[in-house]
Amino acid sequence: MPSAPVAIGTLQPRRGRPSESKHPFSVALSKRASSLSAWAEAHGLDYGKVKGWVSETSPRRIPREWAEKIEDEFRDPKTKKSSVPATLTTWTQGIR
């Protein structure tokens, strides 16, 4: 059964096992009680590609467009700082 469309930024029930990754993106999703798979689905992306962005064993460089979108999505409106900045410090596998 197909799932209903999800508004970006809404909380979804967590699916699957909790992430063991300590990547800032995974940590930020955990704080929102979300997961990589739920985020990927909400943004129309393949879970395997998104997982590769944070994977240590099979890394995949993140497209700059998505690094910047994630940075904006996780920006604190009060401090204007993002918990997932679009930098090589965050995305150690690279930004393309």
Protein backbone atom coordinates (compact mmCIF):
# COMPACT_ATOMS: atom_id res chain seq x y z
CA MET A 1 0.00 0.00 0.00
CA PRO A 2 1.57 3.35 -0.98
CA SER A 3 2.12 5.83 1.79
CA ALA A 4 0.54 9.26 1.80
CA PRO A 5 2.68 12.25 0.76
CA VAL A 6 4.68 13.74 3.61
CA ALA A 7 5.16 17.44 4.20
CA ILE A 8 8.84 18.28 4.56
CA GLY A 9 9.73 18.96 8.16
CA THR A 10 6.96 16.87 9.70
CA LEU A 11 7.81 14.12 12.13
CA GLN A 12 7.27 10.59 10.93
CA PRO A 13 7.27 7.43 13.02
CA ARG A 14 10.75 5.96 13.11
CA ARG A 15 11.21 2.94 10.86
CA GLY A 16 13.91 0.30 10.92
CA ARG A 17 16.82 -0.08 13.31
CA PRO A 18 18.29 2.98 14.98
CA SER A 19 21.32 4.34 13.15
CA GLU A 20 24.67 3.49 14.63
CA SER A 21 26.30 6.30 12.67
CA LYS A 22 27.68 9.26 14.59
CA HIS A 23 27.57 11.41 11.45
CA PRO A 24 26.05 14.86 12.18
CA PHE A 25 23.23 14.19 9.70
CA SER A 26 22.26 10.91 11.41
CA VAL A 27 22.48 12.56 14.83
CA ALA A 28 20.28 15.47 13.68
CA LEU A 29 17.69 13.04 12.29
CA SER A 30 17.70 11.09 15.56
CA LYS A 31 16.99 14.28 17.49
CA ARG A 32 13.92 14.72 15.28
CA ALA A 33 12.90 11.10 15.92
CA SER A 34 13.40 10.36 12.24
CA SER A 35 15.62 8.06 10.18
CA LEU A 36 17.67 8.12 6.99
CA SER A 37 15.09 5.96 5.21
CA ALA A 38 12.18 8.19 6.22
CA TRP A 39 14.11 11.34 5.23
CA ALA A 40 15.13 9.84 1.87
CA GLU A 41 11.55 8.82 1.11
CA ALA A 42 10.18 12.24 2.07
CA HIS A 43 12.65 13.88 -0.32
CA GLY A 44 12.17 11.41 -3.18
CA LEU A 45 15.70 9.99 -2.92
CA ASP A 46 17.05 6.46 -3.01
CA TYR A 47 17.84 5.25 0.51
CA GLY A 48 21.06 3.54 -0.65
CA LYS A 49 22.45 6.81 -2.00
CA VAL A 50 21.57 8.74 1.15
CA LYS A 51 23.05 6.02 3.33
CA GLY A 52 26.25 6.26 1.29
CA TRP A 53 26.57 9.95 2.21
CA VAL A 54 27.04 9.01 5.89
CA SER A 55 28.57 5.54 5.51
CA GLU A 56 32.12 4.86 6.64
CA THR A 57 32.36 1.52 4.85
CA SER A 58 30.99 2.49 1.43
CA PRO A 59 31.25 6.27 1.23
CA ARG A 60 29.58 8.29 -1.49
CA ARG A 61 30.21 11.99 -2.10
CA ILE A 62 27.12 14.13 -1.52
CA PRO A 63 25.95 16.49 -4.28
CA ARG A 64 26.50 20.12 -3.25
CA GLU A 65 22.81 20.85 -3.87
CA TRP A 66 21.78 18.28 -1.22
CA ALA A 67 24.50 19.29 1.24
CA GLU A 68 23.15 22.86 1.09
CA LYS A 69 19.50 21.76 1.33
CA ILE A 70 20.31 19.64 4.40
CA GLU A 71 22.24 22.54 5.93
CA ASP A 72 19.18 24.79 5.50
CA GLU A 73 16.73 22.15 6.74
CA PHE A 74 18.69 21.72 9.99
CA ARG A 75 19.35 25.43 10.58
CA ASP A 76 18.26 26.76 13.98
CA PRO A 77 16.02 29.79 13.32
CA LYS A 78 17.23 31.55 16.46
CA THR A 79 20.98 31.11 16.12
CA LYS A 80 21.02 30.78 12.30
CA LYS A 81 23.52 27.93 12.71
CA SER A 82 23.03 24.52 11.17
CA SER A 83 23.71 21.28 13.00
CA VAL A 84 24.68 19.82 9.60
CA PRO A 85 26.78 22.47 7.79
CA ALA A 86 27.62 21.97 4.11
CA THR A 87 31.36 21.67 4.73
CA LEU A 88 34.04 19.04 4.22
CA THR A 89 34.32 18.78 8.00
CA THR A 90 30.77 17.41 8.05
CA TRP A 91 30.79 15.56 4.73
CA THR A 92 34.22 13.93 5.04
CA GLN A 93 33.65 11.69 2.01
CA GLY A 94 33.45 14.83 -0.12
CA ILE A 95 31.01 17.19 -1.74
CA ARG A 96 30.61 17.10 -5.51
